[in-house]
Amino acid sequence: MYTFEVSVSCTGAEVAKYFDKYPTLPGVILLEQGKFCGMISRRRFVEFLIRPYGENLFEKAHLEVIYSYARTAILQLPETTPILTAMYHTLKRSPEFLAEPIVVQTAENTYKLLDIHELNIAAWQIRGIETQVRYERSQAQMIQNDKMASLGRLVDGVAHEILDPVGFIWGNLTHISNYSQDLLKLIAAYEHNLPQVCESINSLKEEIEFDYLEQDLSKALTSARSGAERLKKLVTSLQNFCHIDAVYPKPVDLHACIDSIVILIKSRLKGEISIVKNYGKLPPVPCYMGQLNQVLMNILSQAVDSLLDEAVRQQLQPDSQQNIKQAKITITTKVISQTASTPNTPDSRWVEISIADNGPGIPDELQKQMLENLSIEKRADKETSLAVSYRIVTARHGGHLNFRSQLGKGTEFEILLPLL
């Protein structure tokens, strides 16, 4: 920026000397009794001098007289104005004023001139940096997506390899249970028909604790079946979570998606948090299952982290032991209808997924930060899990992601997906 302040009592000839000496000066700032009163650009000043008889008329005239003829609309901005904002205000001016310099106020009664060409160069440099950063970010996102897709395929392959032996165990447990029951029946029949048993058989029965074995065998088989079933569900849930989406959305059973995520979440818990499901009747919803699983995982993980932190805080405060409440997450699903805002338009139908916890809630300041992270500007700086979830629900599925929180009463996240 240029500092060239002159009193309106100076003559045009004196200013012309400075313009000849400093060819980059974009104009002159006019002061009247030490205060800013206007600006004459170099272009306007030269236009007056090259007019017929202009040099004789204006060279010896005071700047006050010249300014009365050259008075134009002046764009005045504070020094804190961002470059792109200044560029926006510049382009809004009338075409005849586009080349006029900008008056920048740097302090009280202190002004400088900014050449519009310098501003253009700075603005284009910023745009170039933004384009480069956006390109690099998109490349990093592509690499990350490819890495996650490869990881998903790897996990899917490992899960498939685990499911095969689990299937063998699960299938054979039924036969083992039947065979063991048949053998016990056979032993009972022998004892019934041959009451006189030799001493060696009695010794062997005492050695292997036959009475206890007979009672515990069915319990052991039931426990093995339960473990195999749990492992099967866990691996299937992991396989569903790593699902690779197709190009187009497909109809999905949302309840199965939620159940899969809940199984994975419960692997972190030891009974501290109860998860309650209030499922309504939902039709298959067209969506990208892998991305929607990520949204459900992000929201449920945030709820679990909040409740676990609150449980630890209560345990560390002896006074709050009497008021400890059972941590709970409630998942509710239903179909809702919204009345159209315009006449002769059918009402819209949505699937609502509500995930609410009875945790400590979110402070107002943090809620404001979370809302800011959903904006495009903030998302460009740092992409949080909530921002990713918001983009998946809104941009990819055409839905809505809302949240409500109140201190001491918990937080509720609401996912709305359109029904076509």
Protein backbone atom coordinates (compact mmCIF):
# COMPACT_ATOMS: atom_id res chain seq x y z
CA MET A 1 0.00 0.00 0.00
CA TYR A 2 1.10 3.58 -0.70
CA THR A 3 1.14 6.55 1.67
CA PHE A 4 0.79 9.84 -0.22
CA GLU A 5 -1.25 12.41 1.72
CA VAL A 6 -1.46 16.01 0.48
CA SER A 7 -3.40 19.03 1.70
CA VAL A 8 -6.11 20.33 -0.62
CA SER A 9 -4.29 23.69 -0.65
CA CYS A 10 -1.44 22.22 -2.75
CA THR A 11 -1.39 22.90 -6.48
CA GLY A 12 -1.69 20.39 -9.28
CA ALA A 13 1.86 21.13 -10.45
CA GLU A 14 3.31 20.00 -7.11
CA VAL A 15 1.37 16.71 -7.26
CA ALA A 16 2.38 16.20 -10.91
CA LYS A 17 6.06 16.33 -9.89
CA TYR A 18 5.50 13.51 -7.40
CA PHE A 19 3.64 11.45 -9.99
CA ASP A 20 6.58 11.91 -12.40
CA LYS A 21 9.09 10.98 -9.70
CA TYR A 22 7.14 7.93 -8.42
CA PRO A 23 5.45 6.27 -11.43
CA THR A 24 3.88 3.48 -9.31
CA LEU A 25 1.83 5.88 -7.15
CA PRO A 26 -1.83 5.02 -7.85
CA GLY A 27 -3.17 8.36 -6.60
CA VAL A 28 -3.13 10.99 -3.90
CA ILE A 29 -5.04 11.18 -0.60
CA LEU A 30 -6.51 14.61 0.10
CA LEU A 31 -6.51 16.14 3.58
CA GLU A 32 -8.41 19.16 4.79
CA GLN A 33 -7.20 20.53 8.12
CA GLY A 34 -5.43 17.23 8.71
CA LYS A 35 -8.52 15.07 8.11
CA PHE A 36 -9.32 12.81 5.18
CA CYS A 37 -11.65 14.43 2.65
CA GLY A 38 -11.13 12.52 -0.59
CA MET A 39 -8.85 10.89 -3.15
CA ILE A 40 -7.78 11.59 -6.72
CA SER A 41 -6.35 8.70 -8.71
CA ARG A 42 -3.39 9.12 -11.05
CA ARG A 43 -5.64 8.19 -13.98
CA ARG A 44 -8.20 10.90 -13.18
CA PHE A 45 -5.47 13.48 -12.59
CA VAL A 46 -3.81 12.77 -15.93
CA GLU A 47 -7.18 12.85 -17.74
CA PHE A 48 -7.69 16.44 -16.58
CA LEU A 49 -4.20 17.54 -17.56
CA ILE A 50 -4.36 16.13 -21.12
CA ARG A 51 -7.64 17.83 -21.89
CA PRO A 52 -7.50 20.88 -24.18
CA TYR A 53 -6.06 23.77 -22.10
CA GLY A 54 -6.09 21.39 -19.15
CA GLU A 55 -2.48 21.95 -18.25
CA ASN A 56 -3.00 25.74 -18.12
CA LEU A 57 -6.28 25.41 -16.21
CA PHE A 58 -5.39 22.80 -13.60
CA GLU A 59 -1.62 22.89 -13.18
CA LYS A 60 -1.72 25.97 -10.98
CA ALA A 61 -5.14 25.25 -9.48
CA HIS A 62 -5.45 23.96 -5.96
CA LEU A 63 -6.31 20.31 -5.48
CA GLU A 64 -9.60 21.40 -3.93
CA VAL A 65 -10.65 22.78 -7.34
CA ILE A 66 -9.40 19.73 -9.23
CA TYR A 67 -11.17 17.40 -6.81
CA SER A 68 -14.45 19.27 -7.33
CA TYR A 69 -14.23 18.28 -11.01
CA ALA A 70 -12.77 14.80 -10.45
CA ARG A 71 -15.01 13.75 -7.55
CA THR A 72 -15.83 10.03 -7.91
CA ALA A 73 -17.19 7.22 -5.77
CA ILE A 74 -14.42 6.12 -3.39
CA LEU A 75 -14.19 2.56 -2.06
CA GLN A 76 -12.95 2.83 1.52
CA LEU A 77 -12.21 -0.32 3.53
CA PRO A 78 -10.64 -1.04 6.93
CA GLU A 79 -7.22 -2.68 7.08
CA THR A 80 -8.70 -5.87 8.57
CA THR A 81 -10.75 -6.60 5.44
CA PRO A 82 -9.79 -9.99 3.92
CA ILE A 83 -8.29 -9.78 0.44
CA LEU A 84 -11.05 -11.83 -1.22
CA THR A 85 -13.73 -9.72 0.47
CA ALA A 86 -12.03 -6.55 -0.79
CA MET A 87 -11.94 -8.08 -4.25
CA TYR A 88 -15.66 -8.82 -4.03
CA HIS A 89 -16.45 -5.18 -3.11
CA THR A 90 -14.20 -3.96 -5.92
CA LEU A 91 -16.01 -6.00 -8.57
CA LYS A 92 -19.36 -4.66 -7.39
CA ARG A 93 -18.39 -1.13 -8.42
CA SER A 94 -19.51 0.52 -11.62
CA PRO A 95 -17.32 -0.40 -14.65
CA GLU A 96 -15.95 3.15 -14.92
CA PHE A 97 -14.56 2.91 -11.37
CA LEU A 98 -13.06 -0.60 -11.58
CA ALA A 99 -9.52 0.73 -12.08
CA GLU A 100 -9.73 3.24 -9.22
CA PRO A 101 -7.45 2.51 -6.23
CA ILE A 102 -8.89 1.57 -2.85
CA VAL A 103 -8.56 3.77 0.22
CA VAL A 104 -7.51 1.65 3.21
CA GLN A 105 -7.86 2.99 6.73
CA THR A 106 -4.99 1.59 8.79
CA ALA A 107 -5.65 3.62 11.96
CA GLU A 108 -7.60 6.64 13.14
CA ASN A 109 -7.03 9.48 10.64
CA THR A 110 -4.43 7.34 8.83
CA TYR A 111 -5.12 6.24 5.25
CA LYS A 112 -3.22 4.47 2.51
CA LEU A 113 -3.85 3.68 -1.15
CA LEU A 114 -4.02 0.18 -2.59
CA ASP A 115 -3.53 -0.30 -6.31
CA ILE A 116 -6.31 -2.47 -7.74
CA HIS A 117 -3.77 -4.43 -9.81
CA GLU A 118 -1.85 -5.38 -6.68
CA LEU A 119 -5.11 -6.55 -5.14
CA ASN A 120 -5.88 -8.62 -8.24
CA ILE A 121 -2.49 -10.31 -8.08
CA ALA A 122 -2.92 -11.13 -4.38
CA ALA A 123 -6.46 -12.44 -4.97
CA TRP A 124 -5.35 -14.67 -7.83
CA GLN A 125 -2.46 -15.98 -5.75
CA ILE A 126 -4.89 -16.90 -2.98
CA ARG A 127 -7.20 -18.58 -5.49
CA GLY A 128 -4.23 -20.51 -6.84
CA ILE A 129 -3.25 -21.63 -3.34
CA GLU A 130 -6.86 -22.66 -2.64
CA THR A 131 -6.97 -24.64 -5.87
CA GLN A 132 -3.67 -26.34 -5.04
CA VAL A 133 -4.78 -27.16 -1.49
CA ARG A 134 -8.12 -28.44 -2.77
CA TYR A 135 -6.32 -30.61 -5.32
CA GLU A 136 -3.90 -31.98 -2.72
CA ARG A 137 -6.77 -32.63 -0.33
CA SER A 138 -8.73 -34.45 -3.02
CA GLN A 139 -5.66 -36.54 -3.85
CA ALA A 140 -5.18 -37.36 -0.16
CA GLN A 141 -8.88 -38.23 0.09
CA MET A 142 -8.61 -40.52 -2.94
CA ILE A 143 -5.59 -42.25 -1.40
CA GLN A 144 -7.46 -42.56 1.91
CA ASN A 145 -10.56 -43.93 0.19
CA ASP A 146 -8.45 -46.44 -1.74
CA LYS A 147 -6.67 -47.44 1.48
CA MET A 148 -9.99 -47.89 3.32
CA ALA A 149 -11.40 -49.87 0.38
CA SER A 150 -8.33 -52.13 0.43
CA LEU A 151 -8.62 -52.47 4.20
CA GLY A 152 -12.32 -53.26 3.83
CA ARG A 153 -11.58 -55.99 1.29
CA LEU A 154 -8.85 -57.36 3.57
CA VAL A 155 -11.15 -57.40 6.61
CA ASP A 156 -13.91 -58.95 4.51
CA GLY A 157 -11.52 -61.71 3.40
CA VAL A 158 -10.32 -62.34 6.96
CA ALA A 159 -13.90 -62.38 8.22
CA HIS A 160 -14.81 -64.89 5.52
CA GLU A 161 -11.87 -67.08 6.54
CA ILE A 162 -13.02 -66.91 10.18
CA LEU A 163 -16.61 -67.70 9.29
CA ASP A 164 -15.64 -70.93 7.54
CA PRO A 165 -14.18 -72.70 10.64
CA VAL A 166 -16.89 -71.13 12.81
CA GLY A 167 -19.42 -72.68 10.44
CA PHE A 168 -17.74 -76.06 10.85
CA ILE A 169 -17.83 -75.72 14.65
CA TRP A 170 -21.45 -74.52 14.62
CA GLY A 171 -22.57 -77.33 12.31
CA ASN A 172 -20.75 -80.07 14.22
CA LEU A 173 -21.90 -78.91 17.65
CA THR A 174 -25.43 -80.09 16.87
CA HIS A 175 -24.16 -83.55 15.90
CA ILE A 176 -21.84 -83.70 18.93
CA SER A 177 -24.77 -82.82 21.21
CA ASN A 178 -26.94 -85.52 19.64
CA TYR A 179 -24.14 -88.09 19.73
CA SER A 180 -23.37 -87.36 23.39
CA GLN A 181 -27.04 -87.73 24.34
CA ASP A 182 -27.21 -91.02 22.46
CA LEU A 183 -24.10 -92.31 24.25
CA LEU A 184 -25.53 -91.32 27.63
CA LYS A 185 -28.75 -93.15 26.76
CA LEU A 186 -26.71 -96.19 25.78
CA ILE A 187 -24.80 -96.12 29.08
CA ALA A 188 -28.08 -95.77 31.00
CA ALA A 189 -29.50 -98.78 29.12
CA TYR A 190 -26.43 -100.85 30.00
CA GLU A 191 -26.78 -99.93 33.68
CA HIS A 192 -30.48 -100.79 33.63
CA ASN A 193 -30.06 -104.19 31.97
CA LEU A 194 -26.76 -105.10 33.62
CA PRO A 195 -27.07 -104.04 37.24
CA GLN A 196 -24.07 -106.12 38.26
CA VAL A 197 -21.14 -104.07 36.98
CA CYS A 198 -17.60 -105.18 37.43
CA GLU A 199 -15.30 -103.39 39.82
CA SER A 200 -13.06 -101.97 37.07
CA ILE A 201 -15.99 -100.13 35.44
CA ASN A 202 -17.03 -98.65 38.80
CA SER A 203 -13.46 -97.51 39.39
CA LEU A 204 -13.34 -95.91 35.95
CA LYS A 205 -16.66 -94.08 36.57
CA GLU A 206 -15.32 -92.72 39.84
CA GLU A 207 -12.05 -91.72 38.18
CA ILE A 208 -13.73 -89.70 35.41
CA GLU A 209 -16.48 -88.42 37.78
CA PHE A 210 -19.18 -89.82 35.56
CA ASP A 211 -22.10 -88.24 37.48
CA TYR A 212 -20.62 -84.74 37.18
CA LEU A 213 -19.62 -85.35 33.55
CA GLU A 214 -23.18 -86.38 32.70
CA GLN A 215 -24.58 -83.16 34.16
CA ASP A 216 -21.90 -80.81 32.84
CA LEU A 217 -21.67 -82.18 29.28
CA SER A 218 -24.88 -80.50 28.11
CA LYS A 219 -23.84 -77.22 29.79
CA ALA A 220 -20.44 -77.32 28.07
CA LEU A 221 -22.04 -77.94 24.68
CA THR A 222 -24.53 -75.08 25.26
CA SER A 223 -21.69 -72.75 26.25
CA ALA A 224 -19.67 -73.74 23.15
CA ARG A 225 -22.72 -73.18 20.95
CA SER A 226 -23.29 -69.76 22.55
CA GLY A 227 -19.64 -68.77 22.01
CA ALA A 228 -19.70 -69.91 18.38
CA GLU A 229 -22.94 -68.01 17.79
CA ARG A 230 -21.51 -64.85 19.35
CA LEU A 231 -18.32 -65.13 17.28
CA LYS A 232 -20.38 -65.68 14.15
CA LYS A 233 -22.50 -62.58 14.82
CA LEU A 234 -19.43 -60.49 15.63
CA VAL A 235 -17.59 -61.49 12.45
CA THR A 236 -20.72 -61.00 10.35
CA SER A 237 -21.18 -57.53 11.85
CA LEU A 238 -17.56 -56.68 11.07
CA GLN A 239 -18.10 -57.93 7.53
CA ASN A 240 -21.21 -55.77 7.15
CA PHE A 241 -19.43 -52.72 8.59
CA CYS A 242 -16.64 -53.07 6.01
CA HIS A 243 -19.17 -53.39 3.20
CA ILE A 244 -17.95 -51.76 -0.03
CA ASP A 245 -20.73 -49.69 -1.55
CA ALA A 246 -21.80 -49.96 -5.16
CA VAL A 247 -22.10 -46.99 -7.49
CA TYR A 248 -25.82 -46.67 -6.84
CA PRO A 249 -27.71 -46.99 -3.53
CA LYS A 250 -29.43 -50.28 -2.79
CA PRO A 251 -32.41 -51.12 -0.54
CA VAL A 252 -31.12 -51.97 2.93
CA ASP A 253 -32.63 -53.32 6.14
CA LEU A 254 -31.73 -50.52 8.54
CA HIS A 255 -32.47 -52.61 11.60
CA ALA A 256 -29.88 -55.18 10.50
CA CYS A 257 -27.36 -52.36 10.03
CA ILE A 258 -28.05 -50.99 13.51
CA ASP A 259 -27.84 -54.45 15.07
CA SER A 260 -24.45 -55.04 13.43
CA ILE A 261 -23.05 -51.77 14.76
CA VAL A 262 -24.46 -52.41 18.24
CA ILE A 263 -22.71 -55.79 18.35
CA LEU A 264 -19.40 -54.14 17.48
CA ILE A 265 -19.98 -51.36 20.03
CA LYS A 266 -20.82 -53.87 22.79
CA SER A 267 -17.39 -55.43 22.36
CA ARG A 268 -16.05 -52.29 24.11
CA LEU A 269 -18.47 -52.54 27.03
CA LYS A 270 -18.63 -54.66 30.16
CA GLY A 271 -22.22 -54.00 31.13
CA GLU A 272 -21.74 -50.32 32.05
CA ILE A 273 -24.21 -49.14 29.40
CA SER A 274 -27.55 -50.63 28.43
CA ILE A 275 -28.68 -50.23 24.83
CA VAL A 276 -32.46 -50.16 24.32
CA LYS A 277 -33.97 -50.63 20.86
CA ASN A 278 -37.41 -49.30 19.98
CA TYR A 279 -37.82 -50.45 16.40
CA GLY A 280 -40.77 -49.44 14.29
CA LYS A 281 -41.91 -51.02 11.04
CA LEU A 282 -39.52 -49.83 8.33
CA PRO A 283 -39.50 -50.67 4.63
CA PRO A 284 -36.18 -51.29 2.87
CA VAL A 285 -34.46 -47.92 2.52
CA PRO A 286 -32.26 -47.18 -0.52
CA CYS A 287 -28.87 -46.07 0.77
CA TYR A 288 -25.14 -46.72 0.74
CA MET A 289 -24.85 -49.31 3.50
CA GLY A 290 -21.11 -48.94 4.11
CA GLN A 291 -21.28 -45.17 4.51
CA LEU A 292 -24.42 -45.33 6.65
CA ASN A 293 -22.68 -47.87 8.90
CA GLN A 294 -19.89 -45.33 9.35
CA VAL A 295 -22.41 -42.67 10.42
CA LEU A 296 -24.05 -45.01 12.95
CA MET A 297 -20.64 -46.05 14.29
CA ASN A 298 -19.53 -42.40 14.69
CA ILE A 299 -22.68 -41.37 16.57
CA LEU A 300 -22.86 -44.45 18.80
CA SER A 301 -19.12 -44.21 19.58
CA GLN A 302 -19.56 -40.57 20.61
CA ALA A 303 -22.49 -41.51 22.88
CA VAL A 304 -20.54 -44.39 24.44
CA ASP A 305 -17.47 -42.20 25.04
CA SER A 306 -19.61 -39.54 26.71
CA LEU A 307 -21.32 -42.06 29.01
CA LEU A 308 -18.07 -43.83 29.95
CA ASP A 309 -16.40 -40.50 30.77
CA GLU A 310 -19.38 -39.55 32.94
CA ALA A 311 -19.24 -42.93 34.72
CA VAL A 312 -15.55 -42.43 35.54
CA ARG A 313 -16.25 -38.90 36.76
CA GLN A 314 -19.01 -40.13 39.09
CA GLN A 315 -16.78 -42.85 40.50
CA LEU A 316 -14.09 -40.29 41.32
CA GLN A 317 -16.58 -38.08 43.19
CA PRO A 318 -17.67 -39.76 46.46
CA ASP A 319 -20.56 -37.33 46.95
CA SER A 320 -22.22 -38.44 43.72
CA GLN A 321 -22.25 -42.18 44.53
CA GLN A 322 -25.87 -42.04 45.73
CA ASN A 323 -27.10 -40.36 42.54
CA ILE A 324 -25.44 -42.70 40.04
CA LYS A 325 -27.92 -43.62 37.32
CA GLN A 326 -27.74 -46.47 34.85
CA ALA A 327 -26.16 -45.24 31.64
CA LYS A 328 -28.48 -45.90 28.72
CA ILE A 329 -28.60 -45.41 24.97
CA THR A 330 -32.01 -45.56 23.30
CA ILE A 331 -32.29 -46.25 19.57
CA THR A 332 -35.67 -45.48 18.03
CA THR A 333 -36.75 -45.96 14.41
CA LYS A 334 -39.99 -44.97 12.70
CA VAL A 335 -41.49 -43.61 9.50
CA ILE A 336 -42.67 -40.00 9.63
CA SER A 337 -44.49 -37.75 7.17
CA GLN A 338 -43.88 -34.06 6.57
CA THR A 339 -46.49 -31.79 5.05
CA ALA A 340 -45.42 -30.14 1.80
CA SER A 341 -44.81 -26.40 2.04
CA THR A 342 -46.25 -25.76 -1.43
CA PRO A 343 -49.79 -26.65 -2.54
CA ASN A 344 -50.50 -29.50 -4.98
CA THR A 345 -47.33 -31.24 -3.79
CA PRO A 346 -47.47 -34.68 -2.12
CA ASP A 347 -46.30 -35.00 1.46
CA SER A 348 -42.77 -36.38 1.93
CA ARG A 349 -42.06 -39.56 3.89
CA TRP A 350 -38.88 -40.02 5.89
CA VAL A 351 -37.24 -42.73 7.96
CA GLU A 352 -36.15 -41.36 11.34
CA ILE A 353 -33.33 -42.93 13.34
CA SER A 354 -33.01 -41.41 16.80
CA ILE A 355 -29.98 -42.19 19.00
CA ALA A 356 -30.39 -40.66 22.47
CA ASP A 357 -28.31 -41.04 25.63
CA ASN A 358 -28.91 -39.95 29.21
CA GLY A 359 -25.39 -38.59 29.63
CA PRO A 360 -24.22 -35.19 30.90
CA GLY A 361 -25.16 -33.35 27.69
CA ILE A 362 -23.09 -30.96 25.58
CA PRO A 363 -22.27 -27.38 26.74
CA ASP A 364 -23.64 -24.55 24.58
CA GLU A 365 -20.17 -23.41 23.52
CA LEU A 366 -19.26 -26.89 22.32
CA GLN A 367 -22.60 -27.17 20.52
CA LYS A 368 -21.78 -23.95 18.67
CA GLN A 369 -18.39 -25.37 17.65
CA MET A 370 -20.04 -28.57 16.43
CA LEU A 371 -22.46 -26.58 14.29
CA GLU A 372 -19.59 -24.51 12.88
CA ASN A 373 -17.74 -27.70 11.94
CA LEU A 374 -20.67 -28.60 9.68
CA SER A 375 -20.15 -25.48 7.55
CA ILE A 376 -18.13 -25.64 4.34
CA GLU A 377 -15.51 -23.16 5.54
CA LYS A 378 -14.78 -24.96 8.79
CA ARG A 379 -14.94 -28.38 7.17
CA ALA A 380 -12.10 -27.33 4.87
CA ASP A 381 -9.85 -26.73 7.89
CA LYS A 382 -10.45 -29.94 9.82
CA GLU A 383 -12.90 -32.72 9.05
CA THR A 384 -14.32 -34.21 12.23
CA SER A 385 -16.27 -37.46 12.46
CA LEU A 386 -19.47 -35.46 12.90
CA ALA A 387 -18.69 -33.39 9.78
CA VAL A 388 -18.06 -36.60 7.80
CA SER A 389 -21.36 -38.04 9.06
CA TYR A 390 -23.18 -34.83 8.18
CA ARG A 391 -21.79 -34.89 4.64
CA ILE A 392 -22.73 -38.57 4.16
CA VAL A 393 -26.31 -38.06 5.37
CA THR A 394 -26.98 -34.77 3.56
CA ALA A 395 -24.88 -34.87 0.38
CA ARG A 396 -24.87 -38.60 -0.34
CA HIS A 397 -28.35 -39.53 0.86
CA GLY A 398 -30.28 -36.25 0.61
CA GLY A 399 -31.26 -36.49 4.27
CA HIS A 400 -30.86 -34.44 7.43
CA LEU A 401 -28.68 -34.84 10.54
CA ASN A 402 -29.83 -32.93 13.61
CA PHE A 403 -28.81 -33.04 17.24
CA ARG A 404 -30.28 -31.69 20.45
CA SER A 405 -28.58 -31.58 23.82
CA GLN A 406 -29.33 -30.25 27.27
CA LEU A 407 -26.95 -30.22 30.20
CA GLY A 408 -27.78 -32.97 32.67
CA LYS A 409 -30.39 -34.56 30.39
CA GLY A 410 -28.35 -36.10 27.60
CA THR A 411 -27.95 -35.75 23.85
CA GLU A 412 -30.07 -36.94 20.94
CA PHE A 413 -28.95 -37.34 17.32
CA GLU A 414 -31.63 -37.57 14.66
CA ILE A 415 -30.97 -39.05 11.20
CA LEU A 416 -33.65 -38.47 8.56
CA LEU A 417 -33.45 -40.46 5.31
CA PRO A 418 -35.91 -39.88 2.44
CA LEU A 419 -38.21 -42.68 1.30
CA LEU A 420 -38.51 -42.66 -2.48
